[in-house]
Amino acid sequence: MATEWSRRCLLILLLVLLVVVVSASVTEKILQIPLFEVGELWVNAASTFCAGVVRRVTTVPDFTHWTTYLGLSLAAAIVYCGYVVLLKPLNRVRKLGDMGYIAEGSLSVRETANYVQKRRKVGSVPPVYPNGWFGIMESFHLKKGESKPVSILGEYSNGDDGC
């Protein structure tokens, strides 16, 4: 089993080395090879690799060998990373002082943000997005039927009429 595994690793290493050598040395000699032969090499390498993966996945693992546990933990890590990247919602909410304000002198970023907010006149503010909507709260922060108080642009709104 270990010799087969080392043979597979050697085959993959040689395939990677072949890719690096071919990619790094684009000369007239390389360019004169017909594309059909190059494509045939790639198809053979890919089919050999896929056959090895299918055989490894469909056979019963040897639970007495350490490589089984290494493979299972790598597969679990890949599945978890895929879940985090593809399915978990991205939290785009930032604090007011995280961006847009540069600390001036002895004031911190938070103090600068508060100072700018106090100087802002109450009135019409140009929209942040082209359609005029402001991002206020992410929907996954609210449970079904729950409500939270929201302070938007320095004004407090309780209901539909703004009172």
N, C-alpha and C. Protein backbone atom coordinates (compact mmCIF):
# COMPACT_ATOMS: atom_id res chain seq x y z
N MET A 1 0.83 -1.20 0.00
CA MET A 1 0.00 0.00 0.00
C MET A 1 0.88 1.26 0.00
N ALA A 2 1.94 1.23 0.83
CA ALA A 2 2.81 2.41 0.91
C ALA A 2 3.60 2.60 -0.38
N THR A 3 4.01 1.50 -1.01
CA THR A 3 4.76 1.64 -2.27
C THR A 3 3.85 2.18 -3.37
N GLU A 4 2.58 1.76 -3.35
CA GLU A 4 1.64 2.28 -4.34
C GLU A 4 1.42 3.78 -4.12
N TRP A 5 1.30 4.16 -2.85
CA TRP A 5 1.11 5.58 -2.51
C TRP A 5 2.33 6.39 -2.95
N SER A 6 3.54 5.89 -2.69
CA SER A 6 4.74 6.62 -3.10
C SER A 6 4.86 6.66 -4.62
N ARG A 7 4.42 5.59 -5.30
CA ARG A 7 4.44 5.60 -6.75
C ARG A 7 3.47 6.65 -7.30
N ARG A 8 2.30 6.78 -6.67
CA ARG A 8 1.33 7.80 -7.10
C ARG A 8 1.89 9.20 -6.86
N CYS A 9 2.51 9.40 -5.71
CA CYS A 9 3.10 10.72 -5.41
C CYS A 9 4.20 11.05 -6.42
N LEU A 10 5.01 10.05 -6.77
CA LEU A 10 6.07 10.26 -7.75
C LEU A 10 5.48 10.59 -9.11
N LEU A 11 4.40 9.91 -9.49
CA LEU A 11 3.74 10.19 -10.77
C LEU A 11 3.18 11.61 -10.79
N ILE A 12 2.55 12.03 -9.71
CA ILE A 12 2.01 13.39 -9.63
C ILE A 12 3.13 14.41 -9.66
N LEU A 13 4.23 14.13 -8.95
CA LEU A 13 5.38 15.03 -8.94
C LEU A 13 5.98 15.16 -10.34
N LEU A 14 6.08 14.05 -11.05
CA LEU A 14 6.60 14.10 -12.42
C LEU A 14 5.66 14.87 -13.34
N LEU A 15 4.36 14.71 -13.14
CA LEU A 15 3.39 15.45 -13.95
C LEU A 15 3.51 16.96 -13.69
N VAL A 16 3.65 17.34 -12.42
CA VAL A 16 3.83 18.76 -12.09
C VAL A 16 5.14 19.28 -12.67
N LEU A 17 6.20 18.47 -12.58
CA LEU A 17 7.49 18.87 -13.16
C LEU A 17 7.38 19.04 -14.67
N LEU A 18 6.63 18.15 -15.33
CA LEU A 18 6.42 18.26 -16.77
C LEU A 18 5.69 19.56 -17.10
N VAL A 19 4.68 19.89 -16.33
CA VAL A 19 3.93 21.13 -16.57
C VAL A 19 4.83 22.34 -16.40
N VAL A 20 5.65 22.34 -15.35
CA VAL A 20 6.54 23.48 -15.10
C VAL A 20 7.57 23.61 -16.21
N VAL A 21 8.16 22.49 -16.63
CA VAL A 21 9.19 22.54 -17.68
C VAL A 21 8.59 23.01 -18.99
N VAL A 22 7.42 22.49 -19.36
CA VAL A 22 6.80 22.89 -20.61
C VAL A 22 6.39 24.35 -20.55
N SER A 23 5.87 24.80 -19.42
CA SER A 23 5.43 26.18 -19.30
C SER A 23 6.61 27.15 -19.29
N ALA A 24 7.74 26.73 -18.70
CA ALA A 24 8.87 27.64 -18.56
C ALA A 24 9.72 27.72 -19.82
N SER A 25 9.66 26.73 -20.68
CA SER A 25 10.56 26.71 -21.84
C SER A 25 9.77 26.68 -23.14
N VAL A 26 9.14 27.76 -23.46
CA VAL A 26 8.40 27.86 -24.73
C VAL A 26 9.40 28.29 -25.79
N THR A 27 9.91 27.31 -26.53
CA THR A 27 10.88 27.58 -27.59
C THR A 27 10.30 27.13 -28.92
N GLU A 28 11.07 27.31 -29.98
CA GLU A 28 10.62 26.89 -31.30
C GLU A 28 10.39 25.38 -31.35
N LYS A 29 11.26 24.63 -30.64
CA LYS A 29 11.11 23.18 -30.65
C LYS A 29 9.79 22.77 -30.00
N ILE A 30 9.46 23.42 -28.90
CA ILE A 30 8.20 23.10 -28.20
C ILE A 30 7.02 23.50 -29.07
N LEU A 31 7.14 24.65 -29.74
CA LEU A 31 6.02 25.14 -30.54
C LEU A 31 5.81 24.30 -31.79
N GLN A 32 6.82 23.50 -32.21
CA GLN A 32 6.67 22.67 -33.40
C GLN A 32 5.99 21.34 -33.13
N ILE A 33 5.77 21.01 -31.86
CA ILE A 33 5.06 19.77 -31.52
C ILE A 33 3.60 19.96 -31.88
N PRO A 34 3.01 19.01 -32.59
CA PRO A 34 1.60 19.15 -32.94
C PRO A 34 0.72 19.19 -31.70
N LEU A 35 -0.31 20.00 -31.76
CA LEU A 35 -1.20 20.15 -30.63
C LEU A 35 -1.93 18.85 -30.31
N PHE A 36 -2.12 17.99 -31.31
CA PHE A 36 -2.79 16.73 -31.07
C PHE A 36 -2.00 15.87 -30.08
N GLU A 37 -0.66 15.82 -30.24
CA GLU A 37 0.17 15.02 -29.33
C GLU A 37 0.16 15.60 -27.92
N VAL A 38 0.22 16.91 -27.82
CA VAL A 38 0.19 17.55 -26.50
C VAL A 38 -1.15 17.29 -25.83
N GLY A 39 -2.23 17.42 -26.59
CA GLY A 39 -3.55 17.15 -26.04
C GLY A 39 -3.70 15.71 -25.60
N GLU A 40 -3.11 14.78 -26.38
CA GLU A 40 -3.18 13.36 -26.02
C GLU A 40 -2.43 13.10 -24.72
N LEU A 41 -1.27 13.75 -24.53
CA LEU A 41 -0.53 13.60 -23.27
C LEU A 41 -1.36 14.09 -22.08
N TRP A 42 -2.01 15.24 -22.26
CA TRP A 42 -2.83 15.79 -21.18
C TRP A 42 -4.02 14.89 -20.87
N VAL A 43 -4.66 14.37 -21.89
CA VAL A 43 -5.81 13.48 -21.68
C VAL A 43 -5.38 12.21 -20.96
N ASN A 44 -4.25 11.63 -21.36
CA ASN A 44 -3.76 10.42 -20.69
C ASN A 44 -3.42 10.70 -19.23
N ALA A 45 -2.75 11.81 -18.96
CA ALA A 45 -2.39 12.15 -17.58
C ALA A 45 -3.64 12.40 -16.74
N ALA A 46 -4.62 13.11 -17.30
CA ALA A 46 -5.84 13.40 -16.55
C ALA A 46 -6.65 12.14 -16.30
N SER A 47 -6.74 11.26 -17.29
CA SER A 47 -7.51 10.02 -17.09
C SER A 47 -6.82 9.11 -16.08
N THR A 48 -5.50 9.06 -16.09
CA THR A 48 -4.77 8.26 -15.10
C THR A 48 -5.00 8.81 -13.70
N PHE A 49 -4.93 10.13 -13.56
CA PHE A 49 -5.15 10.75 -12.26
C PHE A 49 -6.57 10.51 -11.76
N CYS A 50 -7.56 10.71 -12.64
CA CYS A 50 -8.96 10.51 -12.24
C CYS A 50 -9.23 9.06 -11.88
N ALA A 51 -8.64 8.12 -12.62
CA ALA A 51 -8.82 6.70 -12.30
C ALA A 51 -8.24 6.38 -10.92
N GLY A 52 -7.10 6.97 -10.61
CA GLY A 52 -6.51 6.76 -9.28
C GLY A 52 -7.36 7.34 -8.17
N VAL A 53 -7.93 8.52 -8.41
CA VAL A 53 -8.79 9.14 -7.40
C VAL A 53 -10.05 8.31 -7.19
N VAL A 54 -10.66 7.86 -8.29
CA VAL A 54 -11.88 7.04 -8.18
C VAL A 54 -11.58 5.74 -7.46
N ARG A 55 -10.46 5.10 -7.78
CA ARG A 55 -10.10 3.85 -7.11
C ARG A 55 -9.86 4.07 -5.62
N ARG A 56 -9.20 5.17 -5.28
CA ARG A 56 -8.92 5.44 -3.87
C ARG A 56 -10.20 5.75 -3.10
N VAL A 57 -11.15 6.44 -3.73
CA VAL A 57 -12.40 6.81 -3.05
C VAL A 57 -13.32 5.61 -2.91
N THR A 58 -13.37 4.74 -3.92
CA THR A 58 -14.33 3.64 -3.90
C THR A 58 -13.85 2.42 -3.14
N THR A 59 -12.57 2.30 -2.81
CA THR A 59 -12.10 1.14 -2.05
C THR A 59 -12.26 1.40 -0.56
N VAL A 60 -12.33 0.31 0.20
CA VAL A 60 -12.46 0.41 1.65
C VAL A 60 -11.11 0.83 2.22
N PRO A 61 -11.08 1.89 3.04
CA PRO A 61 -9.79 2.36 3.56
C PRO A 61 -9.22 1.41 4.62
N ASP A 62 -7.90 1.42 4.73
CA ASP A 62 -7.20 0.62 5.73
C ASP A 62 -7.06 1.47 6.99
N PHE A 63 -7.89 1.19 8.00
CA PHE A 63 -7.90 2.01 9.20
C PHE A 63 -6.72 1.74 10.12
N THR A 64 -5.85 0.81 9.76
CA THR A 64 -4.66 0.57 10.57
C THR A 64 -3.47 1.39 10.10
N HIS A 65 -3.63 2.11 9.01
CA HIS A 65 -2.51 2.88 8.46
C HIS A 65 -2.74 4.37 8.70
N TRP A 66 -1.66 5.08 8.96
CA TRP A 66 -1.77 6.51 9.31
C TRP A 66 -2.19 7.37 8.13
N THR A 67 -1.91 6.95 6.89
CA THR A 67 -2.28 7.77 5.74
C THR A 67 -3.79 7.87 5.56
N THR A 68 -4.52 6.86 6.05
CA THR A 68 -5.98 6.92 5.99
C THR A 68 -6.49 8.10 6.81
N TYR A 69 -5.96 8.24 8.00
CA TYR A 69 -6.40 9.33 8.87
C TYR A 69 -5.95 10.69 8.34
N LEU A 70 -4.78 10.73 7.73
CA LEU A 70 -4.31 11.97 7.11
C LEU A 70 -5.23 12.36 5.95
N GLY A 71 -5.58 11.40 5.13
CA GLY A 71 -6.49 11.68 4.01
C GLY A 71 -7.87 12.11 4.47
N LEU A 72 -8.39 11.44 5.51
CA LEU A 72 -9.71 11.82 6.03
C LEU A 72 -9.70 13.22 6.62
N SER A 73 -8.63 13.57 7.35
CA SER A 73 -8.58 14.92 7.93
C SER A 73 -8.39 15.98 6.84
N LEU A 74 -7.62 15.68 5.80
CA LEU A 74 -7.50 16.63 4.69
C LEU A 74 -8.83 16.80 3.96
N ALA A 75 -9.56 15.71 3.76
CA ALA A 75 -10.87 15.80 3.11
C ALA A 75 -11.83 16.62 3.96
N ALA A 76 -11.81 16.41 5.29
CA ALA A 76 -12.69 17.18 6.17
C ALA A 76 -12.32 18.66 6.15
N ALA A 77 -11.03 18.97 6.12
CA ALA A 77 -10.60 20.37 6.07
C ALA A 77 -11.02 21.02 4.75
N ILE A 78 -10.92 20.29 3.65
CA ILE A 78 -11.33 20.84 2.35
C ILE A 78 -12.83 21.07 2.31
N VAL A 79 -13.62 20.13 2.86
CA VAL A 79 -15.08 20.31 2.90
C VAL A 79 -15.44 21.50 3.76
N TYR A 80 -14.79 21.66 4.92
CA TYR A 80 -15.09 22.79 5.80
C TYR A 80 -14.72 24.12 5.13
N CYS A 81 -13.56 24.18 4.49
CA CYS A 81 -13.16 25.42 3.80
C CYS A 81 -14.13 25.74 2.66
N GLY A 82 -14.59 24.72 1.96
CA GLY A 82 -15.58 24.93 0.91
C GLY A 82 -16.88 25.46 1.48
N TYR A 83 -17.30 24.95 2.64
CA TYR A 83 -18.51 25.45 3.29
C TYR A 83 -18.35 26.92 3.67
N VAL A 84 -17.22 27.26 4.27
CA VAL A 84 -17.00 28.64 4.71
C VAL A 84 -16.98 29.58 3.52
N VAL A 85 -16.32 29.19 2.45
CA VAL A 85 -16.19 30.08 1.29
C VAL A 85 -17.49 30.18 0.50
N LEU A 86 -18.18 29.06 0.31
CA LEU A 86 -19.32 29.05 -0.61
C LEU A 86 -20.68 29.25 0.05
N LEU A 87 -20.88 28.77 1.29
CA LEU A 87 -22.22 28.75 1.85
C LEU A 87 -22.43 29.69 3.03
N LYS A 88 -21.41 30.01 3.78
CA LYS A 88 -21.58 30.86 4.95
C LYS A 88 -21.75 32.31 4.50
N PRO A 89 -22.75 33.03 5.05
CA PRO A 89 -22.95 34.42 4.61
C PRO A 89 -21.77 35.30 5.00
N LEU A 90 -21.45 36.22 4.11
CA LEU A 90 -20.35 37.14 4.32
C LEU A 90 -20.83 38.32 5.15
N ASN A 91 -20.18 38.59 6.26
CA ASN A 91 -20.57 39.70 7.12
C ASN A 91 -19.88 40.96 6.61
N ARG A 92 -20.66 41.81 5.95
CA ARG A 92 -20.11 43.03 5.37
C ARG A 92 -20.32 44.24 6.26
N VAL A 93 -20.89 44.05 7.45
CA VAL A 93 -21.18 45.16 8.35
C VAL A 93 -19.89 45.60 9.03
N ARG A 94 -19.65 46.90 9.01
CA ARG A 94 -18.46 47.45 9.66
C ARG A 94 -18.87 48.56 10.61
N LYS A 95 -18.03 48.81 11.57
CA LYS A 95 -18.28 49.92 12.49
C LYS A 95 -18.08 51.24 11.76
N LEU A 96 -18.69 52.29 12.28
CA LEU A 96 -18.62 53.58 11.61
C LEU A 96 -17.18 54.08 11.51
N GLY A 97 -16.38 53.82 12.51
CA GLY A 97 -15.01 54.32 12.50
C GLY A 97 -14.03 53.44 11.75
N ASP A 98 -14.47 52.30 11.21
CA ASP A 98 -13.55 51.40 10.53
C ASP A 98 -13.03 51.95 9.22
N MET A 99 -13.85 52.70 8.50
CA MET A 99 -13.39 53.25 7.23
C MET A 99 -13.98 54.63 7.04
N GLY A 100 -13.31 55.43 6.28
CA GLY A 100 -13.84 56.74 5.95
C GLY A 100 -13.33 57.87 6.83
N TYR A 101 -12.79 57.58 7.98
CA TYR A 101 -12.30 58.62 8.87
C TYR A 101 -10.82 58.38 9.16
N ILE A 102 -10.04 59.43 9.05
CA ILE A 102 -8.62 59.35 9.35
C ILE A 102 -8.39 60.14 10.64
N ALA A 103 -7.71 59.51 11.57
CA ALA A 103 -7.47 60.17 12.86
C ALA A 103 -6.60 61.41 12.64
N GLU A 104 -7.06 62.54 13.17
CA GLU A 104 -6.33 63.79 13.02
C GLU A 104 -5.72 64.19 14.36
N GLY A 105 -4.41 64.33 14.38
CA GLY A 105 -3.74 64.81 15.58
C GLY A 105 -3.90 63.85 16.75
N SER A 106 -4.38 64.39 17.88
CA SER A 106 -4.49 63.58 19.09
C SER A 106 -5.82 62.84 19.18
N LEU A 107 -6.74 63.07 18.23
CA LEU A 107 -8.03 62.39 18.27
C LEU A 107 -7.92 60.98 17.71
N SER A 108 -8.64 60.05 18.35
CA SER A 108 -8.67 58.68 17.82
C SER A 108 -9.66 58.62 16.66
N VAL A 109 -9.72 57.49 15.99
CA VAL A 109 -10.63 57.32 14.86
C VAL A 109 -12.07 57.44 15.33
N ARG A 110 -12.40 56.85 16.48
CA ARG A 110 -13.76 56.92 17.02
C ARG A 110 -14.13 58.37 17.37
N GLU A 111 -13.21 59.11 17.99
CA GLU A 111 -13.49 60.52 18.33
C GLU A 111 -13.66 61.36 17.07
N THR A 112 -12.86 61.09 16.04
CA THR A 112 -13.01 61.81 14.77
C THR A 112 -14.37 61.54 14.16
N ALA A 113 -14.82 60.28 14.18
CA ALA A 113 -16.13 59.93 13.62
C ALA A 113 -17.24 60.63 14.39
N ASN A 114 -17.15 60.65 15.71
CA ASN A 114 -18.17 61.34 16.51
C ASN A 114 -18.16 62.84 16.24
N TYR A 115 -16.99 63.42 16.06
CA TYR A 115 -16.87 64.85 15.78
C TYR A 115 -17.52 65.20 14.44
N VAL A 116 -17.27 64.36 13.43
CA VAL A 116 -17.86 64.59 12.11
C VAL A 116 -19.37 64.43 12.17
N GLN A 117 -19.86 63.47 12.93
CA GLN A 117 -21.31 63.27 13.06
C GLN A 117 -21.97 64.47 13.72
N LYS A 118 -21.34 65.05 14.71
CA LYS A 118 -21.92 66.20 15.40
C LYS A 118 -21.97 67.42 14.48
N ARG A 119 -20.99 67.56 13.58
CA ARG A 119 -20.97 68.71 12.68
C ARG A 119 -21.91 68.56 11.49
N ARG A 120 -22.37 67.34 11.22
CA ARG A 120 -23.21 67.10 10.05
C ARG A 120 -24.56 67.78 10.24
N LYS A 121 -25.01 68.45 9.21
CA LYS A 121 -26.31 69.11 9.24
C LYS A 121 -27.40 68.08 9.00
N VAL A 122 -28.53 68.25 9.69
CA VAL A 122 -29.67 67.37 9.47
C VAL A 122 -30.35 67.81 8.18
N GLY A 123 -30.56 66.89 7.29
CA GLY A 123 -31.18 67.22 6.01
C GLY A 123 -30.95 66.10 5.03
N SER A 124 -31.05 66.43 3.76
CA SER A 124 -30.90 65.38 2.75
C SER A 124 -29.43 65.02 2.60
N VAL A 125 -29.18 63.73 2.60
CA VAL A 125 -27.84 63.20 2.44
C VAL A 125 -27.82 62.45 1.11
N PRO A 126 -26.80 62.64 0.29
CA PRO A 126 -26.78 61.92 -0.99
C PRO A 126 -26.73 60.41 -0.76
N PRO A 127 -27.37 59.65 -1.62
CA PRO A 127 -27.41 58.20 -1.42
C PRO A 127 -26.04 57.57 -1.58
N VAL A 128 -25.84 56.49 -0.81
CA VAL A 128 -24.58 55.77 -0.87
C VAL A 128 -24.53 54.93 -2.14
N TYR A 129 -25.64 54.29 -2.46
CA TYR A 129 -25.71 53.42 -3.63
C TYR A 129 -26.47 54.15 -4.73
N PRO A 130 -26.26 53.75 -5.99
CA PRO A 130 -26.94 54.44 -7.10
C PRO A 130 -28.46 54.39 -7.02
N ASN A 131 -29.02 53.37 -6.39
CA ASN A 131 -30.47 53.29 -6.32
C ASN A 131 -31.04 54.03 -5.11
N GLY A 132 -30.20 54.64 -4.29
CA GLY A 132 -30.67 55.45 -3.17
C GLY A 132 -30.89 54.69 -1.88
N TRP A 133 -30.55 53.43 -1.81
CA TRP A 133 -30.76 52.65 -0.59
C TRP A 133 -29.49 52.66 0.26
N PHE A 134 -29.66 52.62 1.56
CA PHE A 134 -28.55 52.51 2.49
C PHE A 134 -28.56 51.11 3.10
N GLY A 135 -27.40 50.50 3.24
CA GLY A 135 -27.32 49.23 3.94
C GLY A 135 -27.38 49.47 5.44
N ILE A 136 -28.43 48.98 6.09
CA ILE A 136 -28.65 49.27 7.51
C ILE A 136 -28.32 48.07 8.38
N MET A 137 -28.87 46.90 8.04
CA MET A 137 -28.67 45.72 8.87
C MET A 137 -28.76 44.48 7.98
N GLU A 138 -27.94 43.49 8.28
CA GLU A 138 -28.01 42.24 7.54
C GLU A 138 -29.19 41.42 8.05
N SER A 139 -29.83 40.69 7.16
CA SER A 139 -31.04 39.96 7.52
C SER A 139 -30.75 38.80 8.45
N PHE A 140 -29.53 38.23 8.43
CA PHE A 140 -29.26 37.10 9.31
C PHE A 140 -29.06 37.53 10.76
N HIS A 141 -29.03 38.84 11.04
CA HIS A 141 -28.96 39.32 12.42
C HIS A 141 -30.32 39.31 13.09
N LEU A 142 -31.41 39.23 12.32
CA LEU A 142 -32.76 39.24 12.86
C LEU A 142 -33.37 37.86 12.79
N LYS A 143 -33.97 37.43 13.91
CA LYS A 143 -34.71 36.18 13.90
C LYS A 143 -36.10 36.46 13.37
N LYS A 144 -36.83 35.42 13.03
CA LYS A 144 -38.17 35.57 12.47
C LYS A 144 -39.08 36.21 13.51
N GLY A 145 -39.73 37.32 13.16
CA GLY A 145 -40.64 38.02 14.05
C GLY A 145 -39.97 38.97 15.03
N GLU A 146 -38.66 39.10 14.99
CA GLU A 146 -37.93 39.95 15.93
C GLU A 146 -37.77 41.35 15.33
N SER A 147 -37.74 42.35 16.20
CA SER A 147 -37.48 43.72 15.74
C SER A 147 -36.38 44.31 16.61
N LYS A 148 -35.60 45.19 16.00
CA LYS A 148 -34.51 45.86 16.72
C LYS A 148 -34.61 47.35 16.47
N PRO A 149 -34.27 48.17 17.47
CA PRO A 149 -34.26 49.62 17.23
C PRO A 149 -33.08 49.99 16.32
N VAL A 150 -33.34 50.92 15.41
CA VAL A 150 -32.33 51.30 14.43
C VAL A 150 -32.16 52.80 14.44
N SER A 151 -30.93 53.27 14.52
CA SER A 151 -30.63 54.69 14.41
C SER A 151 -29.91 54.88 13.08
N ILE A 152 -30.55 55.64 12.18
CA ILE A 152 -30.02 55.80 10.83
C ILE A 152 -29.63 57.24 10.60
N LEU A 153 -28.38 57.47 10.22
CA LEU A 153 -27.88 58.79 9.85
C LEU A 153 -28.14 59.83 10.93
N GLY A 154 -28.07 59.41 12.19
CA GLY A 154 -28.21 60.35 13.30
C GLY A 154 -29.63 60.62 13.73
N GLU A 155 -30.63 60.07 13.07
CA GLU A 155 -32.02 60.26 13.47
C GLU A 155 -32.59 58.94 13.94
N TYR A 156 -33.48 59.00 14.94
CA TYR A 156 -34.06 57.79 15.50
C TYR A 156 -35.46 57.60 14.93
N SER A 157 -35.71 56.44 14.36
CA SER A 157 -37.00 56.16 13.74
C SER A 157 -37.64 54.98 14.44
N ASN A 158 -38.90 55.15 14.90
CA ASN A 158 -39.59 54.08 15.61
C ASN A 158 -40.59 53.34 14.74
N GLY A 159 -41.22 54.01 13.83
CA GLY A 159 -42.29 53.37 13.08
C GLY A 159 -42.27 53.74 11.62
N ASP A 160 -43.39 53.41 10.95
CA ASP A 160 -43.49 53.67 9.52
C ASP A 160 -43.55 55.15 9.20
N ASP A 161 -44.19 55.94 10.10
CA ASP A 161 -44.32 57.37 9.83
C ASP A 161 -43.11 58.17 10.30
N GLY A 162 -42.11 57.52 10.93
CA GLY A 162 -40.90 58.21 11.36
C GLY A 162 -41.00 58.84 12.73
N CYS A 163 -42.11 58.66 13.43
CA CYS A 163 -42.27 59.23 14.77
C CYS A 163 -41.92 58.23 15.83
